[in-house]
Amino acid sequence: MIRAHFDASGIGVAGGGPDDDVVRASEIYADDAVVEWPQGGERLRGRADIIRFRSAYPARMRFEVHRITGCHDLWVNEYTIHYDNRPVMAVGIMQFRDGRVVRERIYFADPWDPPAWRASQVELFDPREPDAPAPGPVPPERPVS
């Protein structure tokens, strides 16, 4: 259900176009759902407002899902939204009730180039493949005591 939501969520033309299916993408939401963007202190209330907002979005959007994980009524989605081909990474937390999203909080972050000073302390990975094994040698296992 979550994957189908993202598959249908793209906006091909700023302001919506004939091939966009915002209504189908919004079937995941309960009638009284709340969508929040904490970084802006913004909130939408109700599926009708969610549809109205997304139908008027002023940019093209394409969703690239990297990971969906969770259980029971709480799921976390990691993805990149390409706004007019500009990528922005996002994490969305969906709370379900009776098979529908009742609350979604979405956090955004622009990608950055890692600073050189910490290169010896971190390993690099492809954020589009979060579950891929890290390149290089595998550290030895620690004995269990």
N, C-alpha and C. Protein backbone atom coordinates (compact mmCIF):
# COMPACT_ATOMS: atom_id res chain seq x y z
N MET A 1 0.82 -1.19 0.00
CA MET A 1 0.00 0.00 0.00
C MET A 1 0.87 1.26 0.00
N ILE A 2 1.94 1.28 0.80
CA ILE A 2 2.81 2.45 0.85
C ILE A 2 3.52 2.64 -0.49
N ARG A 3 4.04 1.57 -1.05
CA ARG A 3 4.75 1.66 -2.34
C ARG A 3 3.79 2.18 -3.42
N ALA A 4 2.55 1.69 -3.45
CA ALA A 4 1.56 2.16 -4.43
C ALA A 4 1.27 3.65 -4.24
N HIS A 5 1.27 4.10 -2.99
CA HIS A 5 1.07 5.53 -2.70
C HIS A 5 2.15 6.36 -3.37
N PHE A 6 3.42 5.95 -3.19
CA PHE A 6 4.52 6.71 -3.79
C PHE A 6 4.50 6.60 -5.32
N ASP A 7 4.18 5.43 -5.83
CA ASP A 7 4.12 5.24 -7.29
C ASP A 7 3.11 6.19 -7.93
N ALA A 8 2.03 6.47 -7.24
CA ALA A 8 0.97 7.33 -7.78
C ALA A 8 1.14 8.80 -7.42
N SER A 9 2.14 9.12 -6.59
CA SER A 9 2.25 10.48 -6.05
C SER A 9 2.97 11.48 -6.95
N GLY A 10 3.58 11.04 -8.02
CA GLY A 10 4.30 11.98 -8.88
C GLY A 10 3.38 13.00 -9.51
N ILE A 11 3.93 14.18 -9.75
CA ILE A 11 3.21 15.25 -10.43
C ILE A 11 4.01 15.55 -11.70
N GLY A 12 3.42 15.28 -12.86
CA GLY A 12 4.14 15.43 -14.11
C GLY A 12 4.21 16.84 -14.63
N VAL A 13 3.26 17.68 -14.23
CA VAL A 13 3.19 19.06 -14.70
C VAL A 13 2.91 19.94 -13.49
N ALA A 14 3.64 21.05 -13.37
CA ALA A 14 3.38 21.97 -12.26
C ALA A 14 1.89 22.32 -12.23
N GLY A 15 1.29 22.21 -11.06
CA GLY A 15 -0.14 22.48 -10.93
C GLY A 15 -1.02 21.29 -11.26
N GLY A 16 -0.39 20.16 -11.62
CA GLY A 16 -1.14 18.95 -11.93
C GLY A 16 -1.42 18.83 -13.41
N GLY A 17 -1.45 17.59 -13.87
CA GLY A 17 -1.69 17.35 -15.28
C GLY A 17 -2.64 16.19 -15.47
N PRO A 18 -3.03 15.90 -16.71
CA PRO A 18 -4.02 14.85 -16.97
C PRO A 18 -3.55 13.45 -16.59
N ASP A 19 -2.24 13.23 -16.55
CA ASP A 19 -1.74 11.90 -16.19
C ASP A 19 -1.47 11.75 -14.70
N ASP A 20 -1.64 12.80 -13.92
CA ASP A 20 -1.42 12.74 -12.48
C ASP A 20 -2.63 12.12 -11.80
N ASP A 21 -2.37 11.33 -10.77
CA ASP A 21 -3.47 10.64 -10.09
C ASP A 21 -3.39 10.90 -8.58
N VAL A 22 -3.54 12.17 -8.21
CA VAL A 22 -3.44 12.59 -6.82
C VAL A 22 -4.52 11.91 -5.97
N VAL A 23 -5.69 11.73 -6.53
CA VAL A 23 -6.78 11.09 -5.77
C VAL A 23 -6.38 9.65 -5.42
N ARG A 24 -5.86 8.91 -6.39
CA ARG A 24 -5.43 7.53 -6.11
C ARG A 24 -4.28 7.51 -5.11
N ALA A 25 -3.33 8.45 -5.25
CA ALA A 25 -2.22 8.52 -4.31
C ALA A 25 -2.70 8.82 -2.90
N SER A 26 -3.84 9.49 -2.78
CA SER A 26 -4.35 9.89 -1.46
C SER A 26 -5.29 8.87 -0.84
N GLU A 27 -5.53 7.75 -1.53
CA GLU A 27 -6.39 6.71 -0.95
C GLU A 27 -5.81 6.12 0.32
N ILE A 28 -4.51 6.27 0.54
CA ILE A 28 -3.85 5.74 1.72
C ILE A 28 -4.27 6.49 3.00
N TYR A 29 -4.78 7.73 2.83
CA TYR A 29 -5.12 8.57 3.99
C TYR A 29 -6.55 8.34 4.48
N ALA A 30 -6.71 8.36 5.80
CA ALA A 30 -8.04 8.34 6.41
C ALA A 30 -8.70 9.70 6.13
N ASP A 31 -10.01 9.75 6.21
CA ASP A 31 -10.73 11.00 5.96
C ASP A 31 -10.25 12.12 6.88
N ASP A 32 -9.84 11.76 8.12
CA ASP A 32 -9.42 12.76 9.10
C ASP A 32 -7.90 12.82 9.26
N ALA A 33 -7.17 12.36 8.26
CA ALA A 33 -5.70 12.33 8.33
C ALA A 33 -5.10 13.72 8.50
N VAL A 34 -3.92 13.73 9.12
CA VAL A 34 -3.14 14.95 9.29
C VAL A 34 -1.78 14.72 8.67
N VAL A 35 -1.33 15.65 7.83
CA VAL A 35 0.02 15.63 7.26
C VAL A 35 0.73 16.86 7.79
N GLU A 36 1.94 16.66 8.34
CA GLU A 36 2.68 17.75 8.96
C GLU A 36 4.10 17.85 8.40
N TRP A 37 4.57 19.09 8.28
CA TRP A 37 5.95 19.38 7.93
C TRP A 37 6.52 20.18 9.09
N PRO A 38 7.13 19.51 10.07
CA PRO A 38 7.59 20.19 11.29
C PRO A 38 8.58 21.32 11.02
N GLN A 39 9.42 21.20 9.99
CA GLN A 39 10.42 22.23 9.75
C GLN A 39 9.78 23.57 9.41
N GLY A 40 8.60 23.55 8.82
CA GLY A 40 7.89 24.80 8.50
C GLY A 40 6.75 25.08 9.45
N GLY A 41 6.48 24.14 10.38
CA GLY A 41 5.35 24.31 11.29
C GLY A 41 4.02 24.31 10.55
N GLU A 42 3.94 23.52 9.46
CA GLU A 42 2.73 23.50 8.63
C GLU A 42 1.98 22.18 8.80
N ARG A 43 0.66 22.24 8.59
CA ARG A 43 -0.18 21.05 8.75
C ARG A 43 -1.36 21.12 7.79
N LEU A 44 -1.71 19.97 7.25
CA LEU A 44 -2.95 19.81 6.48
C LEU A 44 -3.85 18.91 7.29
N ARG A 45 -5.15 19.22 7.29
CA ARG A 45 -6.12 18.39 8.01
C ARG A 45 -7.15 17.85 7.05
N GLY A 46 -7.25 16.52 6.99
CA GLY A 46 -8.27 15.87 6.19
C GLY A 46 -7.79 15.51 4.79
N ARG A 47 -8.28 14.36 4.31
CA ARG A 47 -7.90 13.88 2.98
C ARG A 47 -8.28 14.88 1.90
N ALA A 48 -9.42 15.55 2.03
CA ALA A 48 -9.84 16.52 1.01
C ALA A 48 -8.82 17.65 0.88
N ASP A 49 -8.29 18.15 2.00
CA ASP A 49 -7.28 19.22 1.95
C ASP A 49 -5.95 18.70 1.40
N ILE A 50 -5.62 17.44 1.71
CA ILE A 50 -4.40 16.84 1.17
C ILE A 50 -4.49 16.76 -0.35
N ILE A 51 -5.62 16.31 -0.87
CA ILE A 51 -5.82 16.23 -2.32
C ILE A 51 -5.77 17.61 -2.95
N ARG A 52 -6.44 18.57 -2.35
CA ARG A 52 -6.47 19.95 -2.87
C ARG A 52 -5.05 20.53 -2.92
N PHE A 53 -4.28 20.33 -1.86
CA PHE A 53 -2.91 20.84 -1.79
C PHE A 53 -2.04 20.20 -2.87
N ARG A 54 -2.08 18.88 -2.95
CA ARG A 54 -1.20 18.19 -3.91
C ARG A 54 -1.63 18.42 -5.36
N SER A 55 -2.90 18.67 -5.58
CA SER A 55 -3.39 18.93 -6.94
C SER A 55 -2.93 20.28 -7.47
N ALA A 56 -2.59 21.19 -6.60
CA ALA A 56 -2.17 22.53 -7.00
C ALA A 56 -0.68 22.75 -6.84
N TYR A 57 0.10 21.69 -6.60
CA TYR A 57 1.52 21.85 -6.32
C TYR A 57 2.22 22.53 -7.49
N PRO A 58 3.03 23.58 -7.23
CA PRO A 58 3.58 24.40 -8.31
C PRO A 58 4.86 23.87 -8.97
N ALA A 59 5.20 22.60 -8.75
CA ALA A 59 6.41 22.04 -9.36
C ALA A 59 6.12 20.59 -9.77
N ARG A 60 6.92 20.11 -10.73
CA ARG A 60 6.87 18.69 -11.05
C ARG A 60 7.53 17.93 -9.91
N MET A 61 7.03 16.74 -9.60
CA MET A 61 7.60 15.92 -8.52
C MET A 61 7.71 14.48 -8.99
N ARG A 62 8.85 13.87 -8.68
CA ARG A 62 9.04 12.44 -8.90
C ARG A 62 9.62 11.86 -7.62
N PHE A 63 9.05 10.75 -7.17
CA PHE A 63 9.46 10.12 -5.92
C PHE A 63 10.35 8.92 -6.20
N GLU A 64 11.45 8.83 -5.47
CA GLU A 64 12.37 7.71 -5.54
C GLU A 64 12.47 7.12 -4.13
N VAL A 65 11.82 5.98 -3.90
CA VAL A 65 11.77 5.37 -2.57
C VAL A 65 13.04 4.55 -2.35
N HIS A 66 13.66 4.76 -1.20
CA HIS A 66 14.88 4.04 -0.85
C HIS A 66 14.63 2.92 0.16
N ARG A 67 13.75 3.18 1.12
CA ARG A 67 13.49 2.16 2.14
C ARG A 67 12.14 2.43 2.79
N ILE A 68 11.42 1.35 3.04
CA ILE A 68 10.17 1.38 3.80
C ILE A 68 10.35 0.36 4.91
N THR A 69 10.22 0.80 6.14
CA THR A 69 10.40 -0.12 7.25
C THR A 69 9.44 0.24 8.38
N GLY A 70 9.00 -0.76 9.09
CA GLY A 70 8.09 -0.52 10.20
C GLY A 70 7.33 -1.77 10.55
N CYS A 71 6.39 -1.63 11.43
CA CYS A 71 5.53 -2.74 11.80
C CYS A 71 4.27 -2.18 12.46
N HIS A 72 3.28 -3.03 12.49
CA HIS A 72 2.00 -2.67 13.10
C HIS A 72 1.48 -1.36 12.50
N ASP A 73 1.32 -0.34 13.31
CA ASP A 73 0.71 0.90 12.86
C ASP A 73 1.69 2.04 12.64
N LEU A 74 3.00 1.76 12.66
CA LEU A 74 3.99 2.82 12.49
C LEU A 74 5.02 2.41 11.44
N TRP A 75 5.15 3.22 10.39
CA TRP A 75 6.05 2.94 9.28
C TRP A 75 6.89 4.17 8.97
N VAL A 76 8.15 3.93 8.61
CA VAL A 76 9.09 5.00 8.26
C VAL A 76 9.49 4.82 6.81
N ASN A 77 9.43 5.89 6.04
CA ASN A 77 9.76 5.86 4.62
C ASN A 77 10.92 6.81 4.36
N GLU A 78 11.96 6.31 3.70
CA GLU A 78 13.08 7.14 3.29
C GLU A 78 13.01 7.26 1.77
N TYR A 79 13.07 8.50 1.28
CA TYR A 79 12.92 8.69 -0.16
C TYR A 79 13.54 10.01 -0.59
N THR A 80 13.69 10.16 -1.89
CA THR A 80 14.12 11.42 -2.48
C THR A 80 12.97 11.92 -3.34
N ILE A 81 12.64 13.20 -3.17
CA ILE A 81 11.67 13.86 -4.04
C ILE A 81 12.48 14.71 -5.02
N HIS A 82 12.23 14.50 -6.29
CA HIS A 82 12.88 15.30 -7.33
C HIS A 82 11.89 16.39 -7.72
N TYR A 83 12.13 17.63 -7.23
CA TYR A 83 11.29 18.78 -7.56
C TYR A 83 11.87 19.42 -8.82
N ASP A 84 11.16 19.34 -9.93
CA ASP A 84 11.69 19.86 -11.20
C ASP A 84 13.13 19.40 -11.38
N ASN A 85 13.39 18.14 -11.06
CA ASN A 85 14.70 17.48 -11.18
C ASN A 85 15.71 17.90 -10.12
N ARG A 86 15.32 18.68 -9.10
CA ARG A 86 16.21 19.01 -8.00
C ARG A 86 15.92 18.02 -6.86
N PRO A 87 16.91 17.18 -6.48
CA PRO A 87 16.65 16.17 -5.45
C PRO A 87 16.67 16.73 -4.04
N VAL A 88 15.69 16.30 -3.24
CA VAL A 88 15.63 16.62 -1.82
C VAL A 88 15.31 15.32 -1.09
N MET A 89 16.15 14.97 -0.13
CA MET A 89 15.93 13.74 0.64
C MET A 89 14.87 13.99 1.71
N ALA A 90 14.08 12.95 1.98
CA ALA A 90 13.00 13.09 2.94
C ALA A 90 12.83 11.81 3.75
N VAL A 91 12.34 11.98 4.96
CA VAL A 91 11.92 10.87 5.81
C VAL A 91 10.50 11.17 6.24
N GLY A 92 9.62 10.23 5.99
CA GLY A 92 8.23 10.37 6.39
C GLY A 92 7.86 9.29 7.39
N ILE A 93 7.17 9.69 8.43
CA ILE A 93 6.71 8.75 9.46
C ILE A 93 5.19 8.68 9.35
N MET A 94 4.69 7.48 9.05
CA MET A 94 3.25 7.29 8.87
C MET A 94 2.68 6.48 10.03
N GLN A 95 1.63 7.00 10.62
CA GLN A 95 0.89 6.29 11.67
C GLN A 95 -0.44 5.86 11.07
N PHE A 96 -0.73 4.56 11.18
CA PHE A 96 -1.94 3.97 10.60
C PHE A 96 -2.99 3.67 11.66
N ARG A 97 -4.24 3.69 11.22
CA ARG A 97 -5.37 3.21 12.02
C ARG A 97 -6.33 2.56 11.03
N ASP A 98 -6.68 1.32 11.30
CA ASP A 98 -7.61 0.60 10.42
C ASP A 98 -7.16 0.60 8.96
N GLY A 99 -5.85 0.45 8.74
CA GLY A 99 -5.33 0.33 7.39
C GLY A 99 -5.16 1.63 6.63
N ARG A 100 -5.37 2.77 7.26
CA ARG A 100 -5.23 4.08 6.61
C ARG A 100 -4.30 4.97 7.44
N VAL A 101 -3.60 5.88 6.76
CA VAL A 101 -2.72 6.82 7.46
C VAL A 101 -3.58 7.87 8.16
N VAL A 102 -3.34 8.03 9.46
CA VAL A 102 -4.05 9.07 10.22
C VAL A 102 -3.13 10.24 10.54
N ARG A 103 -1.81 10.01 10.51
CA ARG A 103 -0.84 11.09 10.73
C ARG A 103 0.42 10.76 9.96
N GLU A 104 0.93 11.77 9.24
CA GLU A 104 2.20 11.64 8.55
C GLU A 104 3.01 12.89 8.85
N ARG A 105 4.26 12.68 9.30
CA ARG A 105 5.20 13.79 9.52
C ARG A 105 6.33 13.59 8.53
N ILE A 106 6.66 14.64 7.78
CA ILE A 106 7.67 14.55 6.75
C ILE A 106 8.79 15.55 7.05
N TYR A 107 10.03 15.03 7.10
CA TYR A 107 11.22 15.84 7.36
C TYR A 107 12.07 15.86 6.09
N PHE A 108 12.62 17.03 5.75
CA PHE A 108 13.38 17.21 4.52
C PHE A 108 14.82 17.59 4.81
N ALA A 109 15.71 17.21 3.88
CA ALA A 109 17.12 17.61 3.99
C ALA A 109 17.74 17.63 2.61
N ASP A 110 18.49 18.69 2.34
CA ASP A 110 19.24 18.76 1.10
C ASP A 110 20.51 17.94 1.26
N PRO A 111 20.95 17.26 0.20
CA PRO A 111 22.22 16.53 0.29
C PRO A 111 23.39 17.50 0.41
N TRP A 112 24.49 17.03 0.99
CA TRP A 112 25.69 17.86 1.10
C TRP A 112 26.92 17.03 0.79
N ASP A 113 27.99 17.70 0.45
CA ASP A 113 29.27 17.04 0.26
C ASP A 113 29.93 16.91 1.63
N PRO A 114 30.36 15.69 2.00
CA PRO A 114 30.96 15.52 3.32
C PRO A 114 32.26 16.30 3.43
N PRO A 115 32.49 16.92 4.59
CA PRO A 115 33.74 17.67 4.78
C PRO A 115 34.94 16.73 4.90
N ALA A 116 36.07 17.20 4.42
CA ALA A 116 37.29 16.40 4.40
C ALA A 116 37.77 16.03 5.80
N TRP A 117 37.51 16.86 6.80
CA TRP A 117 38.06 16.63 8.14
C TRP A 117 37.56 15.32 8.77
N ARG A 118 36.45 14.82 8.33
CA ARG A 118 35.95 13.59 8.96
C ARG A 118 36.08 12.35 8.07
N ALA A 119 36.79 12.48 6.96
CA ALA A 119 36.92 11.37 6.01
C ALA A 119 37.52 10.12 6.66
N SER A 120 38.42 10.27 7.61
CA SER A 120 39.05 9.11 8.24
C SER A 120 38.16 8.47 9.30
N GLN A 121 37.05 9.12 9.63
CA GLN A 121 36.19 8.63 10.71
C GLN A 121 34.88 8.02 10.23
N VAL A 122 34.56 8.20 8.97
CA VAL A 122 33.28 7.74 8.45
C VAL A 122 33.49 6.89 7.21
N GLU A 123 32.49 6.12 6.85
CA GLU A 123 32.51 5.44 5.56
C GLU A 123 31.40 6.05 4.71
N LEU A 124 31.63 6.14 3.44
CA LEU A 124 30.64 6.69 2.52
C LEU A 124 29.73 5.57 2.02
N PHE A 125 28.48 5.90 1.75
CA PHE A 125 27.53 4.95 1.19
C PHE A 125 26.61 5.69 0.25
N ASP A 126 25.91 4.95 -0.56
CA ASP A 126 24.96 5.53 -1.50
C ASP A 126 23.61 5.63 -0.78
N PRO A 127 23.12 6.83 -0.48
CA PRO A 127 21.86 6.97 0.25
C PRO A 127 20.66 6.42 -0.50
N ARG A 128 20.81 6.21 -1.82
CA ARG A 128 19.72 5.61 -2.60
C ARG A 128 19.67 4.11 -2.40
N GLU A 129 20.72 3.53 -1.81
CA GLU A 129 20.79 2.08 -1.56
C GLU A 129 21.16 1.86 -0.10
N PRO A 130 20.29 2.26 0.85
CA PRO A 130 20.67 2.22 2.27
C PRO A 130 20.92 0.82 2.82
N ASP A 131 20.39 -0.20 2.17
CA ASP A 131 20.57 -1.56 2.68
C ASP A 131 21.72 -2.30 2.00
N ALA A 132 22.39 -1.64 1.05
CA ALA A 132 23.51 -2.28 0.35
C ALA A 132 24.69 -2.43 1.31
N PRO A 133 25.44 -3.53 1.20
CA PRO A 133 26.60 -3.68 2.07
C PRO A 133 27.64 -2.59 1.79
N ALA A 134 28.32 -2.18 2.83
CA ALA A 134 29.35 -1.16 2.69
C ALA A 134 30.55 -1.74 1.95
N PRO A 135 31.19 -0.95 1.08
CA PRO A 135 32.37 -1.45 0.39
C PRO A 135 33.54 -1.57 1.35
N GLY A 136 34.50 -2.37 0.99
CA GLY A 136 35.71 -2.50 1.80
C GLY A 136 35.67 -3.69 2.71
N PRO A 137 36.72 -3.82 3.53
CA PRO A 137 36.82 -4.99 4.41
C PRO A 137 35.72 -5.00 5.47
N VAL A 138 35.31 -6.20 5.83
CA VAL A 138 34.30 -6.37 6.87
C VAL A 138 35.05 -6.49 8.19
N PRO A 139 34.65 -5.71 9.22
CA PRO A 139 35.34 -5.80 10.50
C PRO A 139 35.13 -7.16 11.13
N PRO A 140 36.13 -7.66 11.89
CA PRO A 140 35.98 -8.96 12.53
C PRO A 140 34.85 -8.94 13.55
N GLU A 141 34.20 -10.09 13.71
CA GLU A 141 33.13 -10.18 14.70
C GLU A 141 33.71 -10.16 16.11
N ARG A 142 32.98 -9.56 17.00
CA ARG A 142 33.41 -9.54 18.41
C ARG A 142 32.89 -10.79 19.08
N PRO A 143 33.70 -11.37 19.95
CA PRO A 143 33.21 -12.54 20.68
C PRO A 143 32.05 -12.15 21.60
N VAL A 144 31.09 -13.04 21.71
CA VAL A 144 29.94 -12.81 22.59
C VAL A 144 30.33 -13.32 23.97
N SER A 145 30.12 -12.46 24.97
CA SER A 145 30.46 -12.90 26.32
C SER A 145 29.24 -13.24 27.14
